[in-house]
Amino acid sequence: MNSRHGHEMRFGVLGPVEVLRDNVALELGPRQRRLLLVRLLIEDGRPVSQDTLLNDLWPTDRPTGAASSVRAHVSRLRAALDPVRQGLLVSGPSGYALKVPREARDTTLFEEAVGRARDALRGRQLTIARQEIDAALALWRGEALAEAGEHAFAIRERARLDAALDDAKELRATILVQQGETELAIDVAEGLVLKAPLRETSWALLMRALYAAGRPVEALKQYERFRDMLATELGLDPS
């Protein structure tokens, strides 16, 4: 995001929340202020009422003076993010809204890089596909929306981002197999099935990588393992 004053800002939630101005991290203040920033970022420019913020930031044991605390956090966050008053963090009758362009978000950069990797793979441009997927995964600095923890307002977005990360890792494993780097592909696929034991696509990738590595017996054993697990847990057969 390039401002009229020439500063570039980036907003990151693929890990602990961060804001960079000209690649320098801004001081965002205490945890509740960072949590407020996450809450506004999730809303993607839509206003969030003060009552909603109070409920989201303090789902239990709301302190006396919480409303004043929200106003103070908004004021200090605005001073940190928007010192020349360019309308980044705005308030109105409907509440507070953070107007961040899509291109200034790490989630957008991640999704676009994954899309380019998919396009390159379809075009058999394996080197470009590998570069793009590695760049996408490098944007992750830890758990998405880390400050939000198990706050209810973040659960859906965390689940969406976690699923997108698994999809990206599966894409990377596919690219690695096609590049002949089968052992590395096996490592990626093994990590995926450990994280999500019932995710069929990850098991299929693991079997394919083992077979491509010249280990067909192990690939068959993994198939039998997954089939037994699926039958036990869900009463289903692999598709």
C-alpha atoms as a PDB file:
ATOM      1  CA  MET A   1       0.000   0.000   0.000  1.00  0.00           C
ATOM      2  CA  ASN A   2       1.637   3.213  -1.157  1.00  0.00           C
ATOM      3  CA  SER A   3       0.403   6.362   0.518  1.00  0.00           C
ATOM      4  CA  ARG A   4       0.440   9.768  -1.017  1.00  0.00           C
ATOM      5  CA  HIS A   5       3.404  10.472   1.258  1.00  0.00           C
ATOM      6  CA  GLY A   6       5.422   7.655  -0.288  1.00  0.00           C
ATOM      7  CA  HIS A   7       5.259   5.184   2.612  1.00  0.00           C
ATOM      8  CA  GLU A   8       4.531   1.519   1.961  1.00  0.00           C
ATOM      9  CA  MET A   9       2.563  -0.403   4.607  1.00  0.00           C
ATOM     10  CA  ARG A  10       2.033  -4.131   4.984  1.00  0.00           C
ATOM     11  CA  PHE A  11      -0.366  -5.866   7.369  1.00  0.00           C
ATOM     12  CA  GLY A  12       0.391  -9.419   8.469  1.00  0.00           C
ATOM     13  CA  VAL A  13      -1.806 -11.961  10.244  1.00  0.00           C
ATOM     14  CA  LEU A  14      -0.081 -15.169   9.083  1.00  0.00           C
ATOM     15  CA  GLY A  15       1.527 -15.365  12.501  1.00  0.00           C
ATOM     16  CA  PRO A  16       1.498 -12.741  15.269  1.00  0.00           C
ATOM     17  CA  VAL A  17      -0.135  -9.579  13.939  1.00  0.00           C
ATOM     18  CA  GLU A  18       2.359  -7.110  12.518  1.00  0.00           C
ATOM     19  CA  VAL A  19       2.326  -3.872  10.574  1.00  0.00           C
ATOM     20  CA  LEU A  20       5.353  -2.819   8.543  1.00  0.00           C
ATOM     21  CA  ARG A  21       5.955   0.674   7.262  1.00  0.00           C
ATOM     22  CA  ASP A  22       8.792   0.736   4.732  1.00  0.00           C
ATOM     23  CA  ASN A  23       9.764  -2.736   6.079  1.00  0.00           C
ATOM     24  CA  VAL A  24      10.065  -1.434   9.649  1.00  0.00           C
ATOM     25  CA  ALA A  25       7.729  -2.999  12.221  1.00  0.00           C
ATOM     26  CA  LEU A  26       5.463  -0.563  14.034  1.00  0.00           C
ATOM     27  CA  GLU A  27       5.019  -0.698  17.784  1.00  0.00           C
ATOM     28  CA  LEU A  28       1.429  -1.805  18.212  1.00  0.00           C
ATOM     29  CA  GLY A  29       1.185  -1.729  21.980  1.00  0.00           C
ATOM     30  CA  PRO A  30      -0.311  -4.201  24.481  1.00  0.00           C
ATOM     31  CA  ARG A  31      -2.205  -7.391  23.731  1.00  0.00           C
ATOM     32  CA  GLN A  32      -5.728  -5.918  23.800  1.00  0.00           C
ATOM     33  CA  ARG A  33      -4.745  -3.301  21.230  1.00  0.00           C
ATOM     34  CA  ARG A  34      -3.224  -5.943  18.991  1.00  0.00           C
ATOM     35  CA  LEU A  35      -6.361  -8.036  19.411  1.00  0.00           C
ATOM     36  CA  LEU A  36      -8.435  -5.014  18.404  1.00  0.00           C
ATOM     37  CA  LEU A  37      -6.327  -4.678  15.262  1.00  0.00           C
ATOM     38  CA  VAL A  38      -6.869  -8.353  14.412  1.00  0.00           C
ATOM     39  CA  ARG A  39     -10.616  -7.951  14.925  1.00  0.00           C
ATOM     40  CA  LEU A  40     -10.788  -5.000  12.547  1.00  0.00           C
ATOM     41  CA  LEU A  41      -8.575  -6.690   9.945  1.00  0.00           C
ATOM     42  CA  ILE A  42     -10.801  -9.766   9.899  1.00  0.00           C
ATOM     43  CA  GLU A  43     -13.782  -7.578   9.048  1.00  0.00           C
ATOM     44  CA  ASP A  44     -12.032  -6.469   5.815  1.00  0.00           C
ATOM     45  CA  GLY A  45     -13.079  -2.819   5.885  1.00  0.00           C
ATOM     46  CA  ARG A  46     -16.594  -3.313   7.243  1.00  0.00           C
ATOM     47  CA  PRO A  47     -17.453  -1.317  10.391  1.00  0.00           C
ATOM     48  CA  VAL A  48     -17.536  -3.050  13.772  1.00  0.00           C
ATOM     49  CA  SER A  49     -19.750  -1.528  16.450  1.00  0.00           C
ATOM     50  CA  GLN A  50     -18.400  -0.684  19.876  1.00  0.00           C
ATOM     51  CA  ASP A  51     -20.775  -3.202  21.487  1.00  0.00           C
ATOM     52  CA  THR A  52     -19.423  -5.950  19.234  1.00  0.00           C
ATOM     53  CA  LEU A  53     -15.853  -4.978  20.069  1.00  0.00           C
ATOM     54  CA  LEU A  54     -16.632  -5.071  23.780  1.00  0.00           C
ATOM     55  CA  ASN A  55     -18.135  -8.545  23.480  1.00  0.00           C
ATOM     56  CA  ASP A  56     -15.300  -9.814  21.290  1.00  0.00           C
ATOM     57  CA  LEU A  57     -12.390  -8.384  23.284  1.00  0.00           C
ATOM     58  CA  TRP A  58     -13.853  -9.333  26.670  1.00  0.00           C
ATOM     59  CA  PRO A  59     -16.120 -12.370  26.161  1.00  0.00           C
ATOM     60  CA  THR A  60     -16.022 -12.899  29.947  1.00  0.00           C
ATOM     61  CA  ASP A  61     -15.085 -10.746  32.923  1.00  0.00           C
ATOM     62  CA  ARG A  62     -15.469  -7.400  31.176  1.00  0.00           C
ATOM     63  CA  PRO A  63     -13.617  -4.782  33.244  1.00  0.00           C
ATOM     64  CA  THR A  64     -15.135  -1.550  34.467  1.00  0.00           C
ATOM     65  CA  GLY A  65     -14.383   1.162  31.953  1.00  0.00           C
ATOM     66  CA  ALA A  66     -14.053  -1.261  29.015  1.00  0.00           C
ATOM     67  CA  ALA A  67     -15.800   1.174  26.659  1.00  0.00           C
ATOM     68  CA  SER A  68     -13.311   3.908  27.521  1.00  0.00           C
ATOM     69  CA  SER A  69     -10.508   1.402  27.026  1.00  0.00           C
ATOM     70  CA  VAL A  70     -11.733   0.606  23.500  1.00  0.00           C
ATOM     71  CA  ARG A  71     -11.825   4.287  22.597  1.00  0.00           C
ATOM     72  CA  ALA A  72      -8.319   4.792  23.983  1.00  0.00           C
ATOM     73  CA  HIS A  73      -6.962   1.775  22.093  1.00  0.00           C
ATOM     74  CA  VAL A  74      -8.560   3.014  18.853  1.00  0.00           C
ATOM     75  CA  SER A  75      -7.026   6.443  19.341  1.00  0.00           C
ATOM     76  CA  ARG A  76      -3.540   5.072  19.969  1.00  0.00           C
ATOM     77  CA  LEU A  77      -3.810   2.535  17.175  1.00  0.00           C
ATOM     78  CA  ARG A  78      -4.858   5.299  14.796  1.00  0.00           C
ATOM     79  CA  ALA A  79      -1.857   7.393  15.892  1.00  0.00           C
ATOM     80  CA  ALA A  80       0.488   4.474  15.195  1.00  0.00           C
ATOM     81  CA  LEU A  81      -1.027   3.430  11.861  1.00  0.00           C
ATOM     82  CA  ASP A  82      -2.239   6.718  10.473  1.00  0.00           C
ATOM     83  CA  PRO A  83      -0.166   9.606  11.850  1.00  0.00           C
ATOM     84  CA  VAL A  84      -1.012  11.923   8.936  1.00  0.00           C
ATOM     85  CA  ARG A  85      -4.754  11.142   9.043  1.00  0.00           C
ATOM     86  CA  GLN A  86      -5.244   9.478   5.668  1.00  0.00           C
ATOM     87  CA  GLY A  87      -8.492   7.777   6.679  1.00  0.00           C
ATOM     88  CA  LEU A  88      -7.039   4.343   7.396  1.00  0.00           C
ATOM     89  CA  LEU A  89      -8.827   3.758  10.712  1.00  0.00           C
ATOM     90  CA  VAL A  90     -12.189   5.492  10.576  1.00  0.00           C
ATOM     91  CA  SER A  91     -15.151   5.789  12.899  1.00  0.00           C
ATOM     92  CA  GLY A  92     -18.800   6.478  12.189  1.00  0.00           C
ATOM     93  CA  PRO A  93     -22.348   5.730  13.358  1.00  0.00           C
ATOM     94  CA  SER A  94     -21.890   2.013  12.590  1.00  0.00           C
ATOM     95  CA  GLY A  95     -18.613   1.701  14.481  1.00  0.00           C
ATOM     96  CA  TYR A  96     -14.929   1.473  13.611  1.00  0.00           C
ATOM     97  CA  ALA A  97     -13.479   0.292  10.300  1.00  0.00           C
ATOM     98  CA  LEU A  98      -9.932  -0.339   9.099  1.00  0.00           C
ATOM     99  CA  LYS A  99      -9.595   0.467   5.402  1.00  0.00           C
ATOM    100  CA  VAL A 100      -6.627  -1.661   4.300  1.00  0.00           C
ATOM    101  CA  PRO A 101      -6.185  -2.315   0.560  1.00  0.00           C
ATOM    102  CA  ARG A 102      -6.129  -6.000  -0.355  1.00  0.00           C
ATOM    103  CA  GLU A 103      -2.617  -5.727  -1.792  1.00  0.00           C
ATOM    104  CA  ALA A 104      -1.299  -4.554   1.590  1.00  0.00           C
ATOM    105  CA  ARG A 105      -2.314  -7.811   3.323  1.00  0.00           C
ATOM    106  CA  ASP A 106      -0.082 -10.861   3.649  1.00  0.00           C
ATOM    107  CA  THR A 107      -3.143 -13.073   3.158  1.00  0.00           C
ATOM    108  CA  THR A 108      -3.669 -11.568  -0.287  1.00  0.00           C
ATOM    109  CA  LEU A 109       0.005 -11.966  -1.202  1.00  0.00           C
ATOM    110  CA  PHE A 110      -0.172 -15.599  -0.072  1.00  0.00           C
ATOM    111  CA  GLU A 111      -3.322 -16.401  -2.034  1.00  0.00           C
ATOM    112  CA  GLU A 112      -2.045 -14.707  -5.185  1.00  0.00           C
ATOM    113  CA  ALA A 113       1.299 -16.535  -5.044  1.00  0.00           C
ATOM    114  CA  VAL A 114      -0.509 -19.870  -4.599  1.00  0.00           C
ATOM    115  CA  GLY A 115      -2.693 -19.035  -7.599  1.00  0.00           C
ATOM    116  CA  ARG A 116       0.359 -18.275  -9.728  1.00  0.00           C
ATOM    117  CA  ALA A 117       1.951 -21.548  -8.604  1.00  0.00           C
ATOM    118  CA  ARG A 118      -1.154 -23.492  -9.682  1.00  0.00           C
ATOM    119  CA  ASP A 119      -1.183 -21.753 -13.065  1.00  0.00           C
ATOM    120  CA  ALA A 120       2.524 -22.479 -13.582  1.00  0.00           C
ATOM    121  CA  LEU A 121       2.042 -26.132 -12.656  1.00  0.00           C
ATOM    122  CA  ARG A 122      -0.807 -26.471 -15.147  1.00  0.00           C
ATOM    123  CA  GLY A 123       1.522 -24.998 -17.749  1.00  0.00           C
ATOM    124  CA  ARG A 124       4.303 -27.442 -16.775  1.00  0.00           C
ATOM    125  CA  GLN A 125       6.506 -24.527 -15.678  1.00  0.00           C
ATOM    126  CA  LEU A 126       7.812 -26.402 -12.666  1.00  0.00           C
ATOM    127  CA  THR A 127      10.620 -24.020 -11.743  1.00  0.00           C
ATOM    128  CA  ILE A 128       8.262 -21.048 -11.636  1.00  0.00           C
ATOM    129  CA  ALA A 129       5.659 -23.091  -9.767  1.00  0.00           C
ATOM    130  CA  ARG A 130       8.247 -24.048  -7.142  1.00  0.00           C
ATOM    131  CA  GLN A 131       9.403 -20.443  -6.730  1.00  0.00           C
ATOM    132  CA  GLU A 132       5.863 -19.164  -6.288  1.00  0.00           C
ATOM    133  CA  ILE A 133       4.762 -21.806  -3.785  1.00  0.00           C
ATOM    134  CA  ASP A 134       7.936 -21.380  -1.735  1.00  0.00           C
ATOM    135  CA  ALA A 135       7.362 -17.612  -1.686  1.00  0.00           C
ATOM    136  CA  ALA A 136       3.775 -18.152  -0.569  1.00  0.00           C
ATOM    137  CA  LEU A 137       4.713 -20.469   2.286  1.00  0.00           C
ATOM    138  CA  ALA A 138       7.528 -18.152   3.390  1.00  0.00           C
ATOM    139  CA  LEU A 139       4.882 -15.555   4.308  1.00  0.00           C
ATOM    140  CA  TRP A 140       3.753 -17.738   7.216  1.00  0.00           C
ATOM    141  CA  ARG A 141       5.470 -16.763  10.475  1.00  0.00           C
ATOM    142  CA  GLY A 142       3.477 -19.005  12.823  1.00  0.00           C
ATOM    143  CA  GLU A 143      -0.193 -19.709  13.507  1.00  0.00           C
ATOM    144  CA  ALA A 144      -2.607 -17.441  11.691  1.00  0.00           C
ATOM    145  CA  LEU A 145      -4.268 -14.778  13.841  1.00  0.00           C
ATOM    146  CA  ALA A 146      -2.051 -15.827  16.714  1.00  0.00           C
ATOM    147  CA  GLU A 147      -3.253 -13.109  19.103  1.00  0.00           C
ATOM    148  CA  ALA A 148      -6.860 -14.158  18.722  1.00  0.00           C
ATOM    149  CA  GLY A 149      -6.295 -17.653  20.090  1.00  0.00           C
ATOM    150  CA  GLU A 150      -9.677 -19.296  20.504  1.00  0.00           C
ATOM    151  CA  HIS A 151     -11.698 -16.074  20.452  1.00  0.00           C
ATOM    152  CA  ALA A 152     -14.988 -16.855  18.747  1.00  0.00           C
ATOM    153  CA  PHE A 153     -14.697 -14.023  16.229  1.00  0.00           C
ATOM    154  CA  ALA A 154     -11.508 -15.516  14.764  1.00  0.00           C
ATOM    155  CA  ILE A 155     -12.424 -19.204  14.558  1.00  0.00           C
ATOM    156  CA  ARG A 156     -13.903 -19.146  11.044  1.00  0.00           C
ATOM    157  CA  GLU A 157     -11.071 -17.103   9.525  1.00  0.00           C
ATOM    158  CA  ARG A 158      -8.419 -19.221  11.245  1.00  0.00           C
ATOM    159  CA  ALA A 159     -10.037 -22.377   9.867  1.00  0.00           C
ATOM    160  CA  ARG A 160     -10.116 -20.871   6.368  1.00  0.00           C
ATOM    161  CA  LEU A 161      -6.466 -19.842   6.496  1.00  0.00           C
ATOM    162  CA  ASP A 162      -5.355 -23.182   7.970  1.00  0.00           C
ATOM    163  CA  ALA A 163      -7.154 -25.031   5.164  1.00  0.00           C
ATOM    164  CA  ALA A 164      -5.513 -22.739   2.599  1.00  0.00           C
ATOM    165  CA  LEU A 165      -2.119 -23.517   4.146  1.00  0.00           C
ATOM    166  CA  ASP A 166      -2.728 -27.262   3.894  1.00  0.00           C
ATOM    167  CA  ASP A 167      -3.799 -26.840   0.262  1.00  0.00           C
ATOM    168  CA  ALA A 168      -0.589 -24.905  -0.441  1.00  0.00           C
ATOM    169  CA  LYS A 169       1.561 -27.589   1.178  1.00  0.00           C
ATOM    170  CA  GLU A 170      -0.182 -30.258  -0.885  1.00  0.00           C
ATOM    171  CA  LEU A 171       0.533 -28.210  -3.990  1.00  0.00           C
ATOM    172  CA  ARG A 172       4.186 -27.981  -2.976  1.00  0.00           C
ATOM    173  CA  ALA A 173       4.358 -31.765  -2.511  1.00  0.00           C
ATOM    174  CA  THR A 174       2.828 -32.246  -5.975  1.00  0.00           C
ATOM    175  CA  ILE A 175       5.401 -29.918  -7.522  1.00  0.00           C
ATOM    176  CA  LEU A 176       8.231 -31.689  -5.704  1.00  0.00           C
ATOM    177  CA  VAL A 177       7.105 -35.084  -7.003  1.00  0.00           C
ATOM    178  CA  GLN A 178       7.030 -33.771 -10.555  1.00  0.00           C
ATOM    179  CA  GLN A 179      10.494 -32.265 -10.094  1.00  0.00           C
ATOM    180  CA  GLY A 180      11.797 -35.631  -8.930  1.00  0.00           C
ATOM    181  CA  GLU A 181      12.471 -34.484  -5.346  1.00  0.00           C
ATOM    182  CA  THR A 182      10.516 -37.382  -3.949  1.00  0.00           C
ATOM    183  CA  GLU A 183      12.126 -37.642  -0.502  1.00  0.00           C
ATOM    184  CA  LEU A 184      11.340 -34.006   0.232  1.00  0.00           C
ATOM    185  CA  ALA A 185       7.808 -34.556  -1.071  1.00  0.00           C
ATOM    186  CA  ILE A 186       7.441 -37.522   1.288  1.00  0.00           C
ATOM    187  CA  ASP A 187       8.490 -35.342   4.243  1.00  0.00           C
ATOM    188  CA  VAL A 188       5.897 -32.715   3.338  1.00  0.00           C
ATOM    189  CA  ALA A 189       3.131 -35.293   2.881  1.00  0.00           C
ATOM    190  CA  GLU A 190       3.983 -37.067   6.135  1.00  0.00           C
ATOM    191  CA  GLY A 191       3.666 -33.781   7.992  1.00  0.00           C
ATOM    192  CA  LEU A 192       0.267 -33.209   6.415  1.00  0.00           C
ATOM    193  CA  VAL A 193      -1.172 -36.598   7.363  1.00  0.00           C
ATOM    194  CA  LEU A 194       0.078 -36.179  10.911  1.00  0.00           C
ATOM    195  CA  LYS A 195      -1.713 -32.833  11.159  1.00  0.00           C
ATOM    196  CA  ALA A 196      -4.949 -34.022   9.524  1.00  0.00           C
ATOM    197  CA  PRO A 197      -5.135 -37.839   9.676  1.00  0.00           C
ATOM    198  CA  LEU A 198      -8.410 -38.040   7.734  1.00  0.00           C
ATOM    199  CA  ARG A 199      -7.441 -35.688   4.883  1.00  0.00           C
ATOM    200  CA  GLU A 200      -7.579 -37.980   1.860  1.00  0.00           C
ATOM    201  CA  THR A 201      -5.671 -35.752  -0.556  1.00  0.00           C
ATOM    202  CA  SER A 202      -2.636 -35.721   1.726  1.00  0.00           C
ATOM    203  CA  TRP A 203      -2.622 -39.516   1.964  1.00  0.00           C
ATOM    204  CA  ALA A 204      -2.885 -39.805  -1.811  1.00  0.00           C
ATOM    205  CA  LEU A 205       0.128 -37.487  -2.145  1.00  0.00           C
ATOM    206  CA  LEU A 206       2.111 -39.536   0.338  1.00  0.00           C
ATOM    207  CA  MET A 207       1.381 -42.744  -1.567  1.00  0.00           C
ATOM    208  CA  ARG A 208       2.235 -41.109  -4.892  1.00  0.00           C
ATOM    209  CA  ALA A 209       5.509 -39.746  -3.524  1.00  0.00           C
ATOM    210  CA  LEU A 210       6.483 -43.136  -2.067  1.00  0.00           C
ATOM    211  CA  TYR A 211       5.697 -44.852  -5.358  1.00  0.00           C
ATOM    212  CA  ALA A 212       7.683 -42.265  -7.323  1.00  0.00           C
ATOM    213  CA  ALA A 213      10.589 -42.785  -4.925  1.00  0.00           C
ATOM    214  CA  GLY A 214      10.681 -46.487  -5.819  1.00  0.00           C
ATOM    215  CA  ARG A 215       8.982 -47.614  -2.597  1.00  0.00           C
ATOM    216  CA  PRO A 216       5.734 -49.219  -3.839  1.00  0.00           C
ATOM    217  CA  VAL A 217       5.429 -51.637  -0.905  1.00  0.00           C
ATOM    218  CA  GLU A 218       5.461 -48.732   1.549  1.00  0.00           C
ATOM    219  CA  ALA A 219       2.927 -46.895  -0.604  1.00  0.00           C
ATOM    220  CA  LEU A 220       0.582 -49.893  -0.411  1.00  0.00           C
ATOM    221  CA  LYS A 221       1.045 -50.120   3.367  1.00  0.00           C
ATOM    222  CA  GLN A 222       0.108 -46.462   3.722  1.00  0.00           C
ATOM    223  CA  TYR A 223      -3.002 -47.091   1.648  1.00  0.00           C
ATOM    224  CA  GLU A 224      -4.002 -49.974   3.912  1.00  0.00           C
ATOM    225  CA  ARG A 225      -3.325 -47.841   6.976  1.00  0.00           C
ATOM    226  CA  PHE A 226      -5.513 -45.036   5.686  1.00  0.00           C
ATOM    227  CA  ARG A 227      -8.278 -47.419   4.600  1.00  0.00           C
ATOM    228  CA  ASP A 228      -8.387 -49.000   8.075  1.00  0.00           C
ATOM    229  CA  MET A 229      -8.379 -45.579   9.764  1.00  0.00           C
ATOM    230  CA  LEU A 230     -11.175 -44.293   7.527  1.00  0.00           C
ATOM    231  CA  ALA A 231     -13.282 -47.380   8.142  1.00  0.00           C
ATOM    232  CA  THR A 232     -12.766 -47.183  11.908  1.00  0.00           C
ATOM    233  CA  GLU A 233     -13.353 -43.451  12.280  1.00  0.00           C
ATOM    234  CA  LEU A 234     -16.032 -42.787   9.649  1.00  0.00           C
ATOM    235  CA  GLY A 235     -17.222 -46.128   8.334  1.00  0.00           C
ATOM    236  CA  LEU A 236     -16.086 -45.181   4.836  1.00  0.00           C
ATOM    237  CA  ASP A 237     -13.785 -46.489   2.120  1.00  0.00           C
ATOM    238  CA  PRO A 238     -11.221 -44.306   0.303  1.00  0.00           C
ATOM    239  CA  SER A 239     -12.681 -42.657  -2.793  1.00  0.00           C
END
